[in-house]
Amino acid sequence: MTATESSTTESSTAEASTTDPRTHRFECRSCGYVYDPAEGVKKLGIDSGTAFEDLDAIRFRCPVCRSKVGAFRDIGPSTKPSGFEENLNYGLGVNRLTPGQKNVLIFGSMALAFAFFLSLYSLR
């Protein structure tokens, strides 16, 4: 297999994982809890890798607010940028970041600002 074929295979595998509905996360509209199939729910004994469609619609309840399966909506894969599709091209590229990347950016800049503030005490 050549390098071109392997990169094509890798990109098609990554594309398939983002379009596979069994890997999508679901958010409870009542409380905001996010069910991620990659994590499962240890509190309820749901193993990681269990798709939302495989959950028992009668017995499964939101671990936070006890809402039924009907209260959940599909929010897509974890690699999908958060926000409205029409706004993704604005904001100096920040709107295309995933929620995890935004958290690193926000809290990392806060830690850096705090470190700069503390460094002022070393001045005389």
N, C-alpha and C. Protein backbone atom coordinates (compact mmCIF):
# COMPACT_ATOMS: atom_id res chain seq x y z
N MET A 1 0.86 -1.17 0.00
CA MET A 1 0.00 0.00 0.00
C MET A 1 0.90 1.24 0.00
N THR A 2 0.60 2.20 -0.86
CA THR A 2 1.40 3.41 -0.94
C THR A 2 0.95 4.41 0.10
N ALA A 3 1.75 5.47 0.25
CA ALA A 3 1.42 6.51 1.23
C ALA A 3 0.12 7.22 0.86
N THR A 4 -0.11 7.40 -0.42
CA THR A 4 -1.35 8.06 -0.87
C THR A 4 -2.57 7.21 -0.53
N GLU A 5 -2.46 5.90 -0.74
CA GLU A 5 -3.57 5.01 -0.43
C GLU A 5 -3.83 4.96 1.06
N SER A 6 -2.77 4.94 1.88
CA SER A 6 -2.95 4.89 3.33
C SER A 6 -3.56 6.18 3.85
N SER A 7 -3.16 7.35 3.30
CA SER A 7 -3.75 8.60 3.75
C SER A 7 -5.21 8.69 3.34
N THR A 8 -5.54 8.15 2.15
CA THR A 8 -6.93 8.13 1.70
C THR A 8 -7.76 7.23 2.60
N THR A 9 -7.20 6.09 2.99
CA THR A 9 -7.90 5.17 3.88
C THR A 9 -8.11 5.79 5.24
N GLU A 10 -7.09 6.48 5.77
CA GLU A 10 -7.22 7.14 7.06
C GLU A 10 -8.27 8.24 7.03
N SER A 11 -8.29 9.05 5.97
CA SER A 11 -9.27 10.13 5.89
C SER A 11 -10.68 9.59 5.73
N SER A 12 -10.85 8.48 4.98
CA SER A 12 -12.18 7.91 4.84
C SER A 12 -12.64 7.28 6.14
N THR A 13 -11.71 6.71 6.93
CA THR A 13 -12.05 6.15 8.23
C THR A 13 -12.47 7.26 9.19
N ALA A 14 -11.74 8.38 9.19
CA ALA A 14 -12.09 9.50 10.05
C ALA A 14 -13.42 10.11 9.64
N GLU A 15 -13.67 10.18 8.33
CA GLU A 15 -14.92 10.73 7.83
C GLU A 15 -16.08 9.81 8.20
N ALA A 16 -15.88 8.51 8.11
CA ALA A 16 -16.93 7.56 8.45
C ALA A 16 -17.27 7.62 9.93
N SER A 17 -16.27 7.83 10.78
CA SER A 17 -16.53 7.89 12.21
C SER A 17 -17.30 9.14 12.59
N THR A 18 -17.14 10.23 11.84
CA THR A 18 -17.89 11.44 12.15
C THR A 18 -19.29 11.39 11.59
N THR A 19 -19.53 10.59 10.55
CA THR A 19 -20.87 10.50 9.98
C THR A 19 -21.65 9.32 10.53
N ASP A 20 -21.03 8.43 11.27
CA ASP A 20 -21.72 7.28 11.85
C ASP A 20 -22.62 7.74 12.98
N PRO A 21 -23.93 7.60 12.85
CA PRO A 21 -24.84 8.08 13.89
C PRO A 21 -24.71 7.33 15.21
N ARG A 22 -24.07 6.16 15.19
CA ARG A 22 -23.90 5.42 16.44
C ARG A 22 -22.84 6.05 17.35
N THR A 23 -22.02 6.95 16.81
CA THR A 23 -21.00 7.62 17.62
C THR A 23 -21.44 9.02 18.05
N HIS A 24 -22.64 9.45 17.66
CA HIS A 24 -23.10 10.79 18.00
C HIS A 24 -23.43 10.90 19.49
N ARG A 25 -23.25 12.10 20.00
CA ARG A 25 -23.60 12.40 21.38
C ARG A 25 -25.04 12.90 21.42
N PHE A 26 -25.71 12.72 22.55
CA PHE A 26 -27.08 13.16 22.72
C PHE A 26 -27.18 14.01 23.98
N GLU A 27 -27.90 15.13 23.88
CA GLU A 27 -28.02 16.07 24.99
C GLU A 27 -29.44 16.06 25.53
N CYS A 28 -29.58 16.04 26.85
CA CYS A 28 -30.88 16.12 27.49
C CYS A 28 -31.36 17.57 27.40
N ARG A 29 -32.54 17.77 26.84
CA ARG A 29 -33.06 19.13 26.70
C ARG A 29 -33.56 19.70 28.02
N SER A 30 -33.75 18.86 29.02
CA SER A 30 -34.22 19.34 30.32
C SER A 30 -33.10 19.93 31.17
N CYS A 31 -31.96 19.22 31.22
CA CYS A 31 -30.90 19.66 32.14
C CYS A 31 -29.56 19.93 31.46
N GLY A 32 -29.39 19.51 30.20
CA GLY A 32 -28.14 19.75 29.50
C GLY A 32 -27.12 18.64 29.62
N TYR A 33 -27.48 17.52 30.27
CA TYR A 33 -26.56 16.38 30.37
C TYR A 33 -26.27 15.84 28.97
N VAL A 34 -25.02 15.49 28.70
CA VAL A 34 -24.63 14.96 27.40
C VAL A 34 -24.23 13.50 27.55
N TYR A 35 -24.95 12.62 26.83
CA TYR A 35 -24.60 11.21 26.79
C TYR A 35 -23.61 11.00 25.66
N ASP A 36 -22.41 10.54 26.01
CA ASP A 36 -21.37 10.26 25.02
C ASP A 36 -21.17 8.75 24.97
N PRO A 37 -21.43 8.12 23.81
CA PRO A 37 -21.28 6.67 23.74
C PRO A 37 -19.85 6.19 24.00
N ALA A 38 -18.87 7.04 23.77
CA ALA A 38 -17.48 6.64 24.03
C ALA A 38 -17.22 6.49 25.53
N GLU A 39 -18.01 7.17 26.36
CA GLU A 39 -17.81 7.12 27.81
C GLU A 39 -18.79 6.19 28.51
N GLY A 40 -20.04 6.13 28.03
CA GLY A 40 -21.06 5.36 28.72
C GLY A 40 -21.49 6.07 29.99
N VAL A 41 -22.19 5.37 30.87
CA VAL A 41 -22.62 5.93 32.16
C VAL A 41 -22.33 4.89 33.22
N LYS A 42 -21.26 5.08 33.97
CA LYS A 42 -20.87 4.11 34.99
C LYS A 42 -21.91 4.03 36.10
N LYS A 43 -22.54 5.17 36.40
CA LYS A 43 -23.54 5.24 37.47
C LYS A 43 -24.72 4.31 37.19
N LEU A 44 -25.06 4.16 35.91
CA LEU A 44 -26.19 3.32 35.52
C LEU A 44 -25.75 1.95 34.99
N GLY A 45 -24.46 1.68 34.97
CA GLY A 45 -23.94 0.41 34.50
C GLY A 45 -23.94 0.26 32.99
N ILE A 46 -23.86 1.38 32.26
CA ILE A 46 -23.82 1.35 30.80
C ILE A 46 -22.36 1.42 30.38
N ASP A 47 -21.91 0.41 29.67
CA ASP A 47 -20.51 0.31 29.26
C ASP A 47 -20.17 1.33 28.19
N SER A 48 -18.89 1.69 28.10
CA SER A 48 -18.45 2.58 27.04
C SER A 48 -18.58 1.86 25.71
N GLY A 49 -18.90 2.62 24.67
CA GLY A 49 -19.12 2.05 23.35
C GLY A 49 -20.57 1.69 23.08
N THR A 50 -21.46 1.92 24.04
CA THR A 50 -22.88 1.62 23.85
C THR A 50 -23.55 2.81 23.16
N ALA A 51 -24.06 2.59 21.96
CA ALA A 51 -24.72 3.66 21.21
C ALA A 51 -26.03 4.03 21.89
N PHE A 52 -26.46 5.26 21.66
CA PHE A 52 -27.70 5.75 22.28
C PHE A 52 -28.90 4.92 21.79
N GLU A 53 -28.86 4.47 20.53
CA GLU A 53 -29.96 3.68 19.98
C GLU A 53 -30.07 2.32 20.66
N ASP A 54 -28.97 1.84 21.24
CA ASP A 54 -28.97 0.53 21.90
C ASP A 54 -29.50 0.58 23.33
N LEU A 55 -29.73 1.78 23.86
CA LEU A 55 -30.24 1.90 25.22
C LEU A 55 -31.71 1.51 25.26
N ASP A 56 -32.13 0.94 26.38
CA ASP A 56 -33.52 0.55 26.55
C ASP A 56 -34.36 1.81 26.75
N ALA A 57 -35.27 2.09 25.81
CA ALA A 57 -36.07 3.33 25.85
C ALA A 57 -37.00 3.37 27.04
N ILE A 58 -37.35 2.23 27.58
CA ILE A 58 -38.29 2.19 28.71
C ILE A 58 -37.54 2.38 30.03
N ARG A 59 -36.39 1.76 30.17
CA ARG A 59 -35.68 1.78 31.45
C ARG A 59 -34.67 2.91 31.59
N PHE A 60 -34.12 3.41 30.48
CA PHE A 60 -33.08 4.44 30.57
C PHE A 60 -33.68 5.78 30.95
N ARG A 61 -33.06 6.43 31.90
CA ARG A 61 -33.43 7.78 32.32
C ARG A 61 -32.16 8.62 32.40
N CYS A 62 -32.31 9.92 32.25
CA CYS A 62 -31.17 10.83 32.39
C CYS A 62 -30.62 10.70 33.80
N PRO A 63 -29.30 10.51 33.95
CA PRO A 63 -28.74 10.34 35.28
C PRO A 63 -28.82 11.59 36.15
N VAL A 64 -29.10 12.74 35.56
CA VAL A 64 -29.16 13.99 36.33
C VAL A 64 -30.60 14.33 36.72
N CYS A 65 -31.50 14.37 35.72
CA CYS A 65 -32.87 14.85 35.99
C CYS A 65 -33.94 13.78 35.82
N ARG A 66 -33.56 12.57 35.45
CA ARG A 66 -34.47 11.43 35.31
C ARG A 66 -35.45 11.59 34.15
N SER A 67 -35.11 12.37 33.12
CA SER A 67 -35.96 12.52 31.94
C SER A 67 -35.87 11.26 31.08
N LYS A 68 -36.92 11.04 30.28
CA LYS A 68 -36.97 9.87 29.41
C LYS A 68 -36.12 10.08 28.16
N VAL A 69 -35.99 9.05 27.35
CA VAL A 69 -35.18 9.07 26.14
C VAL A 69 -35.68 10.14 25.16
N GLY A 70 -36.97 10.40 25.14
CA GLY A 70 -37.54 11.39 24.23
C GLY A 70 -37.06 12.80 24.49
N ALA A 71 -36.51 13.07 25.66
CA ALA A 71 -36.03 14.41 26.00
C ALA A 71 -34.63 14.67 25.45
N PHE A 72 -34.00 13.67 24.85
CA PHE A 72 -32.65 13.82 24.33
C PHE A 72 -32.68 14.18 22.87
N ARG A 73 -31.70 15.00 22.43
CA ARG A 73 -31.57 15.35 21.02
C ARG A 73 -30.14 15.10 20.57
N ASP A 74 -30.01 14.77 19.30
CA ASP A 74 -28.71 14.45 18.71
C ASP A 74 -27.92 15.74 18.52
N ILE A 75 -26.71 15.80 19.08
CA ILE A 75 -25.86 16.99 18.91
C ILE A 75 -24.63 16.67 18.08
N GLY A 76 -24.56 15.47 17.50
CA GLY A 76 -23.48 15.12 16.60
C GLY A 76 -22.27 14.55 17.31
N PRO A 77 -21.21 14.29 16.56
CA PRO A 77 -19.99 13.72 17.14
C PRO A 77 -19.24 14.74 17.98
N SER A 78 -18.34 14.24 18.81
CA SER A 78 -17.58 15.14 19.70
C SER A 78 -16.59 16.01 18.95
N THR A 79 -16.26 15.65 17.72
CA THR A 79 -15.31 16.44 16.93
C THR A 79 -16.00 17.56 16.16
N LYS A 80 -17.30 17.66 16.26
CA LYS A 80 -18.06 18.68 15.54
C LYS A 80 -17.94 20.01 16.29
N PRO A 81 -17.70 21.12 15.58
CA PRO A 81 -17.65 22.42 16.24
C PRO A 81 -19.01 22.77 16.83
N SER A 82 -19.00 23.44 17.97
CA SER A 82 -20.26 23.84 18.59
C SER A 82 -20.75 25.14 17.98
N GLY A 83 -22.04 25.36 18.03
CA GLY A 83 -22.63 26.59 17.50
C GLY A 83 -23.44 26.34 16.25
N PHE A 84 -24.02 27.42 15.74
CA PHE A 84 -24.86 27.34 14.56
C PHE A 84 -23.99 27.24 13.31
N GLU A 85 -24.45 26.46 12.34
CA GLU A 85 -23.68 26.23 11.11
C GLU A 85 -23.39 27.54 10.36
N GLU A 86 -24.34 28.47 10.34
CA GLU A 86 -24.13 29.71 9.57
C GLU A 86 -23.14 30.65 10.24
N ASN A 87 -22.82 30.44 11.51
CA ASN A 87 -21.88 31.32 12.21
C ASN A 87 -20.46 30.77 12.27
N LEU A 88 -20.21 29.60 11.72
CA LEU A 88 -18.90 28.97 11.85
C LEU A 88 -17.79 29.71 11.10
N ASN A 89 -18.13 30.52 10.12
CA ASN A 89 -17.11 31.22 9.33
C ASN A 89 -16.72 32.56 9.93
N TYR A 90 -17.29 32.95 11.04
CA TYR A 90 -16.98 34.22 11.68
C TYR A 90 -16.15 33.99 12.94
N GLY A 91 -15.59 35.05 13.48
CA GLY A 91 -14.90 34.96 14.77
C GLY A 91 -13.45 34.59 14.70
N LEU A 92 -12.72 34.96 13.67
CA LEU A 92 -11.29 34.71 13.54
C LEU A 92 -10.94 33.23 13.66
N GLY A 93 -11.83 32.35 13.27
CA GLY A 93 -11.57 30.93 13.31
C GLY A 93 -11.91 30.25 14.62
N VAL A 94 -12.24 31.02 15.64
CA VAL A 94 -12.55 30.45 16.95
C VAL A 94 -13.87 29.67 16.91
N ASN A 95 -14.80 30.06 16.04
CA ASN A 95 -16.08 29.36 15.96
C ASN A 95 -15.95 27.95 15.41
N ARG A 96 -14.86 27.62 14.78
CA ARG A 96 -14.65 26.27 14.25
C ARG A 96 -14.02 25.33 15.28
N LEU A 97 -13.69 25.84 16.46
CA LEU A 97 -13.09 25.00 17.50
C LEU A 97 -14.14 24.12 18.16
N THR A 98 -13.73 22.94 18.59
CA THR A 98 -14.63 22.06 19.34
C THR A 98 -14.76 22.61 20.76
N PRO A 99 -15.79 22.18 21.50
CA PRO A 99 -15.94 22.68 22.88
C PRO A 99 -14.70 22.44 23.75
N GLY A 100 -14.03 21.31 23.59
CA GLY A 100 -12.81 21.04 24.37
C GLY A 100 -11.69 21.99 24.03
N GLN A 101 -11.54 22.31 22.75
CA GLN A 101 -10.50 23.25 22.33
C GLN A 101 -10.81 24.65 22.84
N LYS A 102 -12.09 25.02 22.88
CA LYS A 102 -12.46 26.33 23.41
C LYS A 102 -12.15 26.41 24.91
N ASN A 103 -12.39 25.32 25.64
CA ASN A 103 -12.08 25.31 27.07
C ASN A 103 -10.59 25.49 27.31
N VAL A 104 -9.77 24.81 26.51
CA VAL A 104 -8.31 24.95 26.65
C VAL A 104 -7.90 26.39 26.37
N LEU A 105 -8.46 26.99 25.34
CA LEU A 105 -8.13 28.36 24.97
C LEU A 105 -8.53 29.34 26.08
N ILE A 106 -9.74 29.21 26.60
CA ILE A 106 -10.24 30.14 27.62
C ILE A 106 -9.46 29.99 28.93
N PHE A 107 -9.41 28.76 29.47
CA PHE A 107 -8.77 28.58 30.76
C PHE A 107 -7.25 28.68 30.68
N GLY A 108 -6.68 28.34 29.54
CA GLY A 108 -5.24 28.53 29.36
C GLY A 108 -4.87 30.00 29.36
N SER A 109 -5.68 30.83 28.69
CA SER A 109 -5.39 32.27 28.68
C SER A 109 -5.61 32.88 30.06
N MET A 110 -6.60 32.36 30.81
CA MET A 110 -6.80 32.86 32.17
C MET A 110 -5.61 32.51 33.06
N ALA A 111 -5.08 31.30 32.93
CA ALA A 111 -3.91 30.89 33.72
C ALA A 111 -2.69 31.71 33.34
N LEU A 112 -2.52 31.99 32.06
CA LEU A 112 -1.40 32.79 31.61
C LEU A 112 -1.51 34.22 32.15
N ALA A 113 -2.70 34.80 32.12
CA ALA A 113 -2.91 36.15 32.66
C ALA A 113 -2.63 36.17 34.16
N PHE A 114 -3.04 35.13 34.88
CA PHE A 114 -2.79 35.06 36.32
C PHE A 114 -1.29 34.95 36.59
N ALA A 115 -0.58 34.16 35.77
CA ALA A 115 0.87 34.04 35.94
C ALA A 115 1.56 35.37 35.68
N PHE A 116 1.11 36.11 34.67
CA PHE A 116 1.67 37.44 34.41
C PHE A 116 1.39 38.39 35.58
N PHE A 117 0.19 38.30 36.13
CA PHE A 117 -0.16 39.14 37.27
C PHE A 117 0.75 38.83 38.46
N LEU A 118 0.98 37.55 38.74
CA LEU A 118 1.86 37.18 39.85
C LEU A 118 3.30 37.58 39.59
N SER A 119 3.71 37.64 38.34
CA SER A 119 5.08 38.02 38.03
C SER A 119 5.33 39.50 38.33
N LEU A 120 4.28 40.28 38.44
CA LEU A 120 4.43 41.71 38.80
C LEU A 120 5.00 41.88 40.20
N TYR A 121 4.79 40.88 41.07
CA TYR A 121 5.31 40.96 42.43
C TYR A 121 6.84 40.84 42.45
N SER A 122 7.43 40.29 41.41
CA SER A 122 8.89 40.16 41.37
C SER A 122 9.56 41.47 40.98
N LEU A 123 8.82 42.43 40.47
CA LEU A 123 9.39 43.73 40.14
C LEU A 123 9.62 44.55 41.39
N ARG A 124 10.61 45.36 41.40
CA ARG A 124 10.88 46.22 42.57
C ARG A 124 10.84 47.65 42.18
